[in-house]
Amino acid sequence: MQKAPVAMIKPASQQKMALFTLTMATLLVLVSFNLAFAGPIEEGVDWLLDLLTNGIARSLAIIGIVILGYMAWAGRITGEACGKYILGIVFVFGGASIVDLIIAAVS
């Protein structure tokens, strides 16, 4: 008996799909584990927010700004690129304040 032809997937595509699947499964396990002991979904989201804005993330942002300063000092980066990086850091760490300002303006 002949088998029906199966669409060939390139090895690189298989690796990307396997990595994506593994990443999604890991995130699902981490989130479900955290939410299993939590009441509402709010605690899981708060955990993620704390992870993204904790002391280690702050230290990495400071190191990033210092590296940008050295690159600017050496003439290896443009002002526009520095502005983009710094604006990104402002959005990450000032996100809660920005949302509070928007909510206060709407209500």
Foldseek 3Di string as FASTA:
>chain_A
DDDDDDDDDDPVRVVVVVVVVVVVVVVVVVQCVQCVPPDDSVVSVVVVLCVCAPPVNVVVLVVVLVVVVVCVVVVNDDPVVSVVSVVVVCCSNVVVVVVVVVVVVVD
